[in-house]
N, C-alpha and C. Protein backbone atom coordinates (compact mmCIF):
# COMPACT_ATOMS: atom_id res chain seq x y z
N MET A 1 13.88 -9.49 -21.66
CA MET A 1 14.46 -8.30 -21.10
C MET A 1 14.16 -8.28 -19.61
N LEU A 2 15.18 -8.06 -18.81
CA LEU A 2 15.04 -7.98 -17.37
C LEU A 2 15.04 -6.52 -16.95
N VAL A 3 13.97 -6.12 -16.26
CA VAL A 3 13.86 -4.76 -15.75
C VAL A 3 13.82 -4.85 -14.24
N THR A 4 14.71 -4.13 -13.57
CA THR A 4 14.71 -4.15 -12.11
C THR A 4 14.27 -2.80 -11.58
N SER A 5 13.69 -2.83 -10.41
CA SER A 5 13.24 -1.61 -9.74
C SER A 5 13.71 -1.67 -8.30
N PRO A 6 13.90 -0.52 -7.67
CA PRO A 6 14.23 -0.56 -6.24
C PRO A 6 13.08 -1.17 -5.46
N ARG A 7 13.38 -1.77 -4.32
CA ARG A 7 12.34 -2.33 -3.46
C ARG A 7 11.40 -1.21 -3.03
N PRO A 8 10.13 -1.53 -2.79
CA PRO A 8 9.18 -0.51 -2.36
C PRO A 8 9.57 0.12 -1.03
N THR A 9 9.19 1.37 -0.87
CA THR A 9 9.45 2.09 0.37
C THR A 9 8.57 1.53 1.49
N PRO A 10 8.93 1.79 2.74
CA PRO A 10 8.06 1.34 3.84
C PRO A 10 6.62 1.87 3.72
N ARG A 11 6.44 3.10 3.25
CA ARG A 11 5.09 3.67 3.07
C ARG A 11 4.31 2.85 2.05
N HIS A 12 4.97 2.50 0.95
CA HIS A 12 4.38 1.69 -0.11
C HIS A 12 3.98 0.32 0.46
N GLN A 13 4.88 -0.29 1.21
CA GLN A 13 4.62 -1.61 1.78
C GLN A 13 3.48 -1.56 2.79
N ARG A 14 3.44 -0.50 3.60
CA ARG A 14 2.34 -0.36 4.56
C ARG A 14 1.01 -0.28 3.83
N CYS A 15 0.97 0.49 2.76
CA CYS A 15 -0.25 0.64 1.98
C CYS A 15 -0.74 -0.72 1.47
N ILE A 16 0.17 -1.50 0.91
CA ILE A 16 -0.20 -2.82 0.39
C ILE A 16 -0.71 -3.72 1.52
N ARG A 17 0.00 -3.72 2.65
CA ARG A 17 -0.41 -4.55 3.79
C ARG A 17 -1.81 -4.14 4.28
N GLU A 18 -2.03 -2.84 4.42
CA GLU A 18 -3.33 -2.35 4.90
C GLU A 18 -4.44 -2.62 3.89
N LEU A 19 -4.11 -2.47 2.61
CA LEU A 19 -5.10 -2.76 1.57
C LEU A 19 -5.51 -4.22 1.63
N GLU A 20 -4.54 -5.11 1.73
CA GLU A 20 -4.89 -6.53 1.80
C GLU A 20 -5.65 -6.85 3.09
N SER A 21 -5.29 -6.19 4.19
CA SER A 21 -6.01 -6.48 5.44
C SER A 21 -7.46 -6.02 5.37
N GLN A 22 -7.73 -4.95 4.62
CA GLN A 22 -9.13 -4.53 4.43
C GLN A 22 -9.86 -5.45 3.44
N LEU A 23 -9.13 -5.92 2.43
CA LEU A 23 -9.77 -6.77 1.41
C LEU A 23 -10.10 -8.17 1.91
N LEU A 24 -9.17 -8.78 2.66
CA LEU A 24 -9.31 -10.19 3.03
C LEU A 24 -10.67 -10.56 3.62
N PRO A 25 -11.17 -9.84 4.62
CA PRO A 25 -12.46 -10.25 5.19
C PRO A 25 -13.64 -10.03 4.24
N GLN A 26 -13.43 -9.31 3.16
CA GLN A 26 -14.52 -9.02 2.22
C GLN A 26 -14.47 -9.90 0.96
N LEU A 27 -13.41 -10.70 0.82
CA LEU A 27 -13.31 -11.54 -0.37
C LEU A 27 -14.38 -12.63 -0.35
N PRO A 28 -15.10 -12.78 -1.43
CA PRO A 28 -16.07 -13.88 -1.51
C PRO A 28 -15.36 -15.23 -1.50
N ASP A 29 -16.08 -16.26 -1.10
CA ASP A 29 -15.54 -17.62 -1.18
C ASP A 29 -15.09 -17.88 -2.61
N GLY A 30 -13.98 -18.59 -2.74
CA GLY A 30 -13.49 -18.94 -4.06
C GLY A 30 -12.49 -17.95 -4.63
N LEU A 31 -12.17 -16.89 -3.87
CA LEU A 31 -11.15 -15.93 -4.31
C LEU A 31 -10.03 -15.88 -3.28
N GLU A 32 -8.82 -15.64 -3.77
CA GLU A 32 -7.62 -15.54 -2.93
C GLU A 32 -6.86 -14.28 -3.31
N SER A 33 -6.18 -13.67 -2.35
CA SER A 33 -5.34 -12.51 -2.66
C SER A 33 -3.88 -12.84 -2.38
N PHE A 34 -3.00 -12.24 -3.18
CA PHE A 34 -1.56 -12.43 -3.03
C PHE A 34 -0.85 -11.12 -3.29
N VAL A 35 0.22 -10.91 -2.56
CA VAL A 35 1.04 -9.71 -2.69
C VAL A 35 2.33 -10.07 -3.42
N ASP A 36 2.69 -9.24 -4.41
CA ASP A 36 3.98 -9.35 -5.08
C ASP A 36 4.26 -10.76 -5.58
N VAL A 37 3.30 -11.34 -6.29
CA VAL A 37 3.45 -12.70 -6.83
C VAL A 37 3.67 -12.62 -8.34
N ASP A 38 4.51 -13.51 -8.87
CA ASP A 38 4.75 -13.53 -10.31
C ASP A 38 3.47 -13.91 -11.05
N LEU A 39 3.22 -13.18 -12.12
CA LEU A 39 2.02 -13.35 -12.92
C LEU A 39 2.42 -13.39 -14.39
N GLU A 40 2.04 -14.44 -15.07
CA GLU A 40 2.35 -14.56 -16.50
C GLU A 40 1.30 -13.80 -17.31
N LEU A 41 1.80 -12.84 -18.09
CA LEU A 41 0.92 -12.06 -18.96
C LEU A 41 1.12 -12.53 -20.38
N VAL A 42 0.04 -12.76 -21.09
CA VAL A 42 0.11 -13.13 -22.49
C VAL A 42 -0.95 -12.32 -23.22
N ALA A 43 -0.51 -11.56 -24.19
CA ALA A 43 -1.43 -10.80 -25.03
C ALA A 43 -1.55 -11.53 -26.36
N PRO A 44 -2.66 -11.36 -27.07
CA PRO A 44 -2.81 -12.03 -28.36
C PRO A 44 -1.65 -11.70 -29.30
N ASP A 45 -1.12 -12.72 -29.95
CA ASP A 45 -0.03 -12.57 -30.93
C ASP A 45 1.25 -11.98 -30.34
N GLU A 46 1.45 -12.12 -29.05
CA GLU A 46 2.66 -11.60 -28.41
C GLU A 46 3.27 -12.71 -27.55
N PRO A 47 4.60 -12.66 -27.36
CA PRO A 47 5.20 -13.62 -26.43
C PRO A 47 4.80 -13.28 -24.99
N GLY A 48 4.76 -14.27 -24.13
CA GLY A 48 4.41 -14.05 -22.74
C GLY A 48 5.56 -13.42 -21.98
N PHE A 49 5.24 -12.77 -20.88
CA PHE A 49 6.25 -12.21 -19.98
C PHE A 49 5.65 -12.16 -18.59
N VAL A 50 6.47 -11.84 -17.62
CA VAL A 50 6.05 -11.89 -16.22
C VAL A 50 6.08 -10.50 -15.60
N ARG A 51 5.05 -10.19 -14.84
CA ARG A 51 4.99 -9.00 -14.00
C ARG A 51 4.71 -9.50 -12.57
N ALA A 52 4.98 -8.66 -11.59
CA ALA A 52 4.66 -8.96 -10.20
C ALA A 52 3.84 -7.80 -9.64
N PRO A 53 2.52 -7.81 -9.87
CA PRO A 53 1.68 -6.72 -9.35
C PRO A 53 1.81 -6.62 -7.83
N ASP A 54 1.53 -5.44 -7.31
CA ASP A 54 1.60 -5.26 -5.86
C ASP A 54 0.62 -6.18 -5.15
N LEU A 55 -0.56 -6.37 -5.74
CA LEU A 55 -1.56 -7.25 -5.15
C LEU A 55 -2.44 -7.79 -6.28
N VAL A 56 -2.79 -9.06 -6.19
CA VAL A 56 -3.76 -9.63 -7.13
C VAL A 56 -4.80 -10.43 -6.36
N VAL A 57 -5.99 -10.46 -6.91
CA VAL A 57 -7.05 -11.36 -6.44
C VAL A 57 -7.29 -12.33 -7.58
N VAL A 58 -7.18 -13.62 -7.25
CA VAL A 58 -7.31 -14.67 -8.26
C VAL A 58 -8.34 -15.70 -7.79
N THR A 59 -8.71 -16.56 -8.71
CA THR A 59 -9.66 -17.63 -8.36
C THR A 59 -8.97 -18.67 -7.49
N GLY A 60 -9.75 -19.29 -6.63
CA GLY A 60 -9.24 -20.38 -5.80
C GLY A 60 -8.74 -21.54 -6.64
N GLU A 61 -9.40 -21.77 -7.78
CA GLU A 61 -8.96 -22.85 -8.67
C GLU A 61 -7.55 -22.59 -9.19
N ALA A 62 -7.24 -21.35 -9.48
CA ALA A 62 -5.90 -21.00 -9.95
C ALA A 62 -4.87 -21.27 -8.86
N TYR A 63 -5.19 -20.88 -7.64
CA TYR A 63 -4.28 -21.15 -6.53
C TYR A 63 -4.04 -22.65 -6.41
N GLU A 64 -5.10 -23.43 -6.43
CA GLU A 64 -4.98 -24.89 -6.30
C GLU A 64 -4.14 -25.48 -7.44
N ARG A 65 -4.34 -25.00 -8.65
CA ARG A 65 -3.57 -25.49 -9.80
C ARG A 65 -2.08 -25.25 -9.61
N VAL A 66 -1.73 -24.02 -9.25
CA VAL A 66 -0.32 -23.67 -9.06
C VAL A 66 0.26 -24.42 -7.87
N ASP A 67 -0.52 -24.59 -6.81
CA ASP A 67 -0.06 -25.31 -5.63
C ASP A 67 0.21 -26.78 -5.96
N ARG A 68 -0.65 -27.40 -6.77
CA ARG A 68 -0.51 -28.81 -7.13
C ARG A 68 0.55 -29.04 -8.20
N LYS A 69 0.49 -28.24 -9.26
CA LYS A 69 1.30 -28.51 -10.44
C LYS A 69 2.51 -27.60 -10.59
N GLY A 70 2.57 -26.52 -9.81
CA GLY A 70 3.65 -25.55 -9.98
C GLY A 70 3.31 -24.58 -11.10
N GLY A 71 4.30 -23.86 -11.55
CA GLY A 71 4.08 -22.87 -12.59
C GLY A 71 3.68 -21.54 -12.00
N LEU A 72 3.14 -20.70 -12.84
CA LEU A 72 2.79 -19.34 -12.46
C LEU A 72 1.29 -19.12 -12.53
N LEU A 73 0.83 -18.17 -11.76
CA LEU A 73 -0.52 -17.67 -11.98
C LEU A 73 -0.54 -17.00 -13.34
N ARG A 74 -1.69 -17.03 -14.00
CA ARG A 74 -1.82 -16.45 -15.34
C ARG A 74 -2.80 -15.28 -15.30
N ALA A 75 -2.67 -14.41 -16.27
CA ALA A 75 -3.58 -13.26 -16.36
C ALA A 75 -5.03 -13.72 -16.37
N ALA A 76 -5.32 -14.84 -17.01
CA ALA A 76 -6.70 -15.35 -17.07
C ALA A 76 -7.24 -15.75 -15.70
N ASP A 77 -6.35 -15.94 -14.72
CA ASP A 77 -6.75 -16.31 -13.36
C ASP A 77 -7.14 -15.10 -12.53
N VAL A 78 -6.77 -13.91 -12.99
CA VAL A 78 -6.87 -12.69 -12.19
C VAL A 78 -8.26 -12.07 -12.30
N VAL A 79 -8.83 -11.79 -11.15
CA VAL A 79 -10.09 -11.07 -11.05
C VAL A 79 -9.80 -9.57 -10.89
N LEU A 80 -8.72 -9.27 -10.16
CA LEU A 80 -8.34 -7.89 -9.87
C LEU A 80 -6.83 -7.79 -9.72
N GLY A 81 -6.24 -6.80 -10.37
CA GLY A 81 -4.83 -6.47 -10.19
C GLY A 81 -4.72 -5.08 -9.60
N VAL A 82 -3.74 -4.88 -8.69
CA VAL A 82 -3.57 -3.59 -8.03
C VAL A 82 -2.11 -3.18 -8.08
N GLU A 83 -1.87 -1.94 -8.40
CA GLU A 83 -0.54 -1.35 -8.32
C GLU A 83 -0.62 -0.10 -7.46
N VAL A 84 0.36 0.05 -6.58
CA VAL A 84 0.51 1.25 -5.76
C VAL A 84 1.63 2.06 -6.38
N ILE A 85 1.35 3.29 -6.69
CA ILE A 85 2.34 4.15 -7.36
C ILE A 85 3.47 4.49 -6.40
N SER A 86 4.68 4.30 -6.90
CA SER A 86 5.89 4.66 -6.16
C SER A 86 6.56 5.82 -6.88
N PRO A 87 7.46 6.51 -6.20
CA PRO A 87 8.23 7.51 -6.93
C PRO A 87 8.94 6.84 -8.10
N GLY A 88 8.78 7.38 -9.26
CA GLY A 88 9.41 6.81 -10.44
C GLY A 88 8.59 5.77 -11.17
N SER A 89 7.44 5.33 -10.60
CA SER A 89 6.65 4.30 -11.28
C SER A 89 5.35 4.84 -11.86
N GLN A 90 5.12 6.14 -11.73
CA GLN A 90 3.83 6.70 -12.13
C GLN A 90 3.48 6.40 -13.59
N ARG A 91 4.40 6.67 -14.50
CA ARG A 91 4.12 6.42 -15.92
C ARG A 91 3.92 4.93 -16.18
N ARG A 92 4.79 4.11 -15.57
CA ARG A 92 4.70 2.66 -15.78
C ARG A 92 3.37 2.12 -15.26
N ASP A 93 2.94 2.54 -14.05
CA ASP A 93 1.70 2.02 -13.47
C ASP A 93 0.45 2.57 -14.15
N ARG A 94 0.47 3.86 -14.49
CA ARG A 94 -0.72 4.49 -15.08
C ARG A 94 -0.87 4.20 -16.58
N THR A 95 0.23 3.95 -17.26
CA THR A 95 0.17 3.79 -18.71
C THR A 95 0.61 2.41 -19.17
N VAL A 96 1.85 2.04 -18.88
CA VAL A 96 2.41 0.79 -19.40
C VAL A 96 1.69 -0.43 -18.82
N LYS A 97 1.67 -0.55 -17.49
CA LYS A 97 1.03 -1.72 -16.88
C LYS A 97 -0.47 -1.72 -17.15
N ARG A 98 -1.07 -0.57 -17.15
CA ARG A 98 -2.51 -0.49 -17.45
C ARG A 98 -2.78 -1.10 -18.82
N ALA A 99 -1.97 -0.76 -19.82
CA ALA A 99 -2.15 -1.31 -21.16
C ALA A 99 -1.81 -2.80 -21.20
N GLU A 100 -0.73 -3.19 -20.54
CA GLU A 100 -0.35 -4.61 -20.52
C GLU A 100 -1.43 -5.47 -19.87
N TYR A 101 -1.95 -5.01 -18.74
CA TYR A 101 -2.98 -5.78 -18.04
C TYR A 101 -4.27 -5.84 -18.86
N ALA A 102 -4.61 -4.77 -19.53
CA ALA A 102 -5.79 -4.77 -20.41
C ALA A 102 -5.57 -5.72 -21.58
N ASP A 103 -4.41 -5.64 -22.22
CA ASP A 103 -4.11 -6.53 -23.36
C ASP A 103 -4.15 -8.00 -22.95
N ALA A 104 -3.75 -8.29 -21.70
CA ALA A 104 -3.75 -9.67 -21.21
C ALA A 104 -5.14 -10.11 -20.73
N GLY A 105 -6.11 -9.19 -20.73
CA GLY A 105 -7.49 -9.54 -20.38
C GLY A 105 -7.83 -9.47 -18.90
N ILE A 106 -7.01 -8.81 -18.10
CA ILE A 106 -7.32 -8.65 -16.67
C ILE A 106 -8.51 -7.69 -16.56
N PRO A 107 -9.64 -8.16 -16.03
CA PRO A 107 -10.87 -7.36 -16.11
C PRO A 107 -10.90 -6.11 -15.24
N HIS A 108 -10.21 -6.14 -14.09
CA HIS A 108 -10.24 -4.99 -13.19
C HIS A 108 -8.83 -4.68 -12.72
N TYR A 109 -8.49 -3.39 -12.74
CA TYR A 109 -7.17 -2.91 -12.37
C TYR A 109 -7.33 -1.65 -11.54
N TRP A 110 -6.80 -1.68 -10.32
CA TRP A 110 -6.87 -0.52 -9.45
C TRP A 110 -5.48 0.11 -9.35
N ILE A 111 -5.45 1.43 -9.43
CA ILE A 111 -4.22 2.19 -9.26
C ILE A 111 -4.37 3.02 -7.99
N VAL A 112 -3.50 2.78 -7.02
CA VAL A 112 -3.55 3.49 -5.75
C VAL A 112 -2.38 4.46 -5.71
N ASP A 113 -2.69 5.72 -5.51
CA ASP A 113 -1.67 6.76 -5.42
C ASP A 113 -1.62 7.23 -3.97
N ILE A 114 -0.45 7.08 -3.33
CA ILE A 114 -0.32 7.39 -1.90
C ILE A 114 0.41 8.71 -1.66
N HIS A 115 0.60 9.48 -2.69
CA HIS A 115 1.24 10.79 -2.52
C HIS A 115 0.15 11.81 -2.25
N ASN A 116 0.39 12.70 -1.30
CA ASN A 116 -0.64 13.62 -0.82
C ASN A 116 -1.77 12.80 -0.21
N ARG A 117 -3.01 13.02 -0.60
CA ARG A 117 -4.12 12.21 -0.08
C ARG A 117 -4.25 10.95 -0.93
N VAL A 118 -4.54 9.83 -0.30
CA VAL A 118 -4.64 8.55 -1.01
C VAL A 118 -5.81 8.60 -1.98
N THR A 119 -5.54 8.17 -3.22
CA THR A 119 -6.61 8.03 -4.22
C THR A 119 -6.58 6.62 -4.78
N LEU A 120 -7.73 6.17 -5.23
CA LEU A 120 -7.85 4.88 -5.91
C LEU A 120 -8.59 5.13 -7.21
N THR A 121 -7.98 4.71 -8.31
CA THR A 121 -8.62 4.78 -9.61
C THR A 121 -8.96 3.35 -10.01
N ALA A 122 -10.25 3.06 -10.11
CA ALA A 122 -10.72 1.71 -10.46
C ALA A 122 -10.95 1.64 -11.96
N CYS A 123 -10.17 0.80 -12.61
CA CYS A 123 -10.27 0.62 -14.06
C CYS A 123 -10.95 -0.71 -14.36
N HIS A 124 -11.66 -0.74 -15.47
CA HIS A 124 -12.31 -1.97 -15.91
C HIS A 124 -12.13 -2.09 -17.42
N LEU A 125 -12.12 -3.32 -17.91
CA LEU A 125 -11.98 -3.53 -19.35
C LEU A 125 -13.16 -2.93 -20.08
N ALA A 126 -12.83 -2.22 -21.16
CA ALA A 126 -13.86 -1.57 -21.98
C ALA A 126 -13.61 -1.91 -23.45
N GLY A 127 -13.57 -3.20 -23.74
CA GLY A 127 -13.39 -3.65 -25.12
C GLY A 127 -12.10 -3.18 -25.74
N GLU A 128 -12.18 -2.72 -26.95
CA GLU A 128 -10.99 -2.30 -27.69
C GLU A 128 -10.31 -1.08 -27.10
N PHE A 129 -10.97 -0.41 -26.16
CA PHE A 129 -10.41 0.79 -25.56
C PHE A 129 -9.47 0.49 -24.39
N GLY A 130 -9.30 -0.79 -24.04
CA GLY A 130 -8.45 -1.14 -22.91
C GLY A 130 -9.19 -0.92 -21.61
N HIS A 131 -8.49 -0.39 -20.62
CA HIS A 131 -9.10 -0.11 -19.33
C HIS A 131 -9.66 1.31 -19.31
N ALA A 132 -10.91 1.42 -18.90
CA ALA A 132 -11.57 2.72 -18.72
C ALA A 132 -11.75 2.95 -17.22
N ASP A 133 -11.90 4.22 -16.82
CA ASP A 133 -12.12 4.52 -15.41
C ASP A 133 -12.97 5.78 -15.29
N ALA A 134 -13.47 5.99 -14.07
CA ALA A 134 -14.30 7.17 -13.80
C ALA A 134 -13.53 8.22 -13.01
N GLY A 135 -12.22 8.08 -12.92
CA GLY A 135 -11.40 9.05 -12.20
C GLY A 135 -11.09 8.59 -10.80
N PRO A 136 -10.16 9.29 -10.15
CA PRO A 136 -9.72 8.88 -8.81
C PRO A 136 -10.76 9.17 -7.73
N ILE A 137 -10.78 8.28 -6.73
CA ILE A 137 -11.67 8.39 -5.58
C ILE A 137 -10.82 8.65 -4.34
N THR A 138 -11.32 9.48 -3.43
CA THR A 138 -10.67 9.69 -2.13
C THR A 138 -11.64 9.28 -1.04
N GLY A 139 -11.14 9.15 0.18
CA GLY A 139 -12.00 8.85 1.32
C GLY A 139 -12.40 7.39 1.37
N THR A 140 -13.68 7.12 1.14
CA THR A 140 -14.19 5.75 1.16
C THR A 140 -14.48 5.31 -0.26
N PHE A 141 -13.94 4.16 -0.64
CA PHE A 141 -14.18 3.58 -1.95
C PHE A 141 -15.10 2.38 -1.77
N THR A 142 -16.23 2.38 -2.50
CA THR A 142 -17.14 1.23 -2.48
C THR A 142 -17.44 0.83 -3.91
N THR A 143 -17.58 -0.47 -4.10
CA THR A 143 -17.93 -0.99 -5.42
C THR A 143 -18.61 -2.35 -5.25
N ASP A 144 -19.30 -2.76 -6.29
CA ASP A 144 -19.88 -4.10 -6.35
C ASP A 144 -19.14 -4.97 -7.34
N THR A 145 -18.21 -4.36 -8.10
CA THR A 145 -17.48 -5.13 -9.09
C THR A 145 -15.97 -4.98 -8.91
N PRO A 146 -15.20 -6.00 -8.96
CA PRO A 146 -15.56 -7.37 -9.33
C PRO A 146 -16.23 -8.16 -8.21
N PHE A 147 -16.29 -7.57 -7.00
CA PHE A 147 -17.01 -8.15 -5.87
C PHE A 147 -17.32 -7.00 -4.93
N PRO A 148 -18.31 -7.15 -4.06
CA PRO A 148 -18.64 -6.05 -3.14
C PRO A 148 -17.48 -5.79 -2.17
N VAL A 149 -17.09 -4.53 -2.08
CA VAL A 149 -16.01 -4.17 -1.17
C VAL A 149 -16.14 -2.70 -0.78
N ARG A 150 -15.68 -2.43 0.42
CA ARG A 150 -15.63 -1.06 0.94
C ARG A 150 -14.23 -0.88 1.52
N LEU A 151 -13.53 0.16 1.07
CA LEU A 151 -12.18 0.44 1.54
C LEU A 151 -12.09 1.84 2.11
N GLU A 152 -11.45 1.96 3.25
CA GLU A 152 -11.18 3.26 3.85
C GLU A 152 -9.78 3.66 3.39
N LEU A 153 -9.72 4.48 2.35
CA LEU A 153 -8.46 4.79 1.69
C LEU A 153 -7.47 5.53 2.59
N ASP A 154 -7.93 6.45 3.40
CA ASP A 154 -7.02 7.21 4.26
C ASP A 154 -6.30 6.30 5.26
N GLN A 155 -6.90 5.15 5.59
CA GLN A 155 -6.28 4.22 6.53
C GLN A 155 -5.15 3.41 5.90
N LEU A 156 -5.00 3.49 4.58
CA LEU A 156 -3.97 2.69 3.91
C LEU A 156 -2.55 3.12 4.28
N ILE A 157 -2.39 4.37 4.70
CA ILE A 157 -1.04 4.83 5.06
C ILE A 157 -0.96 5.33 6.49
N GLN A 158 -2.05 5.23 7.22
CA GLN A 158 -2.07 5.67 8.62
C GLN A 158 -2.29 4.48 9.53
N ARG A 159 -1.81 4.60 10.73
CA ARG A 159 -2.06 3.54 11.73
C ARG A 159 -2.74 4.12 12.92
């Protein structure tokens, strides 16, 4: 099944660009980030399908494999997946993709909402419960998992 969506708005694109620019200098050696890249998702006992998250952080080995042999990045390669909510994508990003990414075993999933004040909801795999979270964060987001990072959320849509 092919599902198409309108291209992201300039505000959405700015957020992704700024998020990656804050993440890049903080990525540990051996990790790479990519924007809007095809990702093969496979859940147990289900056929595979492809999503293109707004941003992913994957292992360097995965990048090298795809660069050498071709093919797609796989859910098992992903350390972190990020979706920025667009008008009309709220249910898909908060519910559908969250469940799909959890079923595919993606350990960390961030949902960035840029409407009103920017919020980031950091989700992590919680066994049979899928992705769990502690609620949305505003202002400065800091974490040690999946790697140490500090993000200034208000800067994601401001210049």
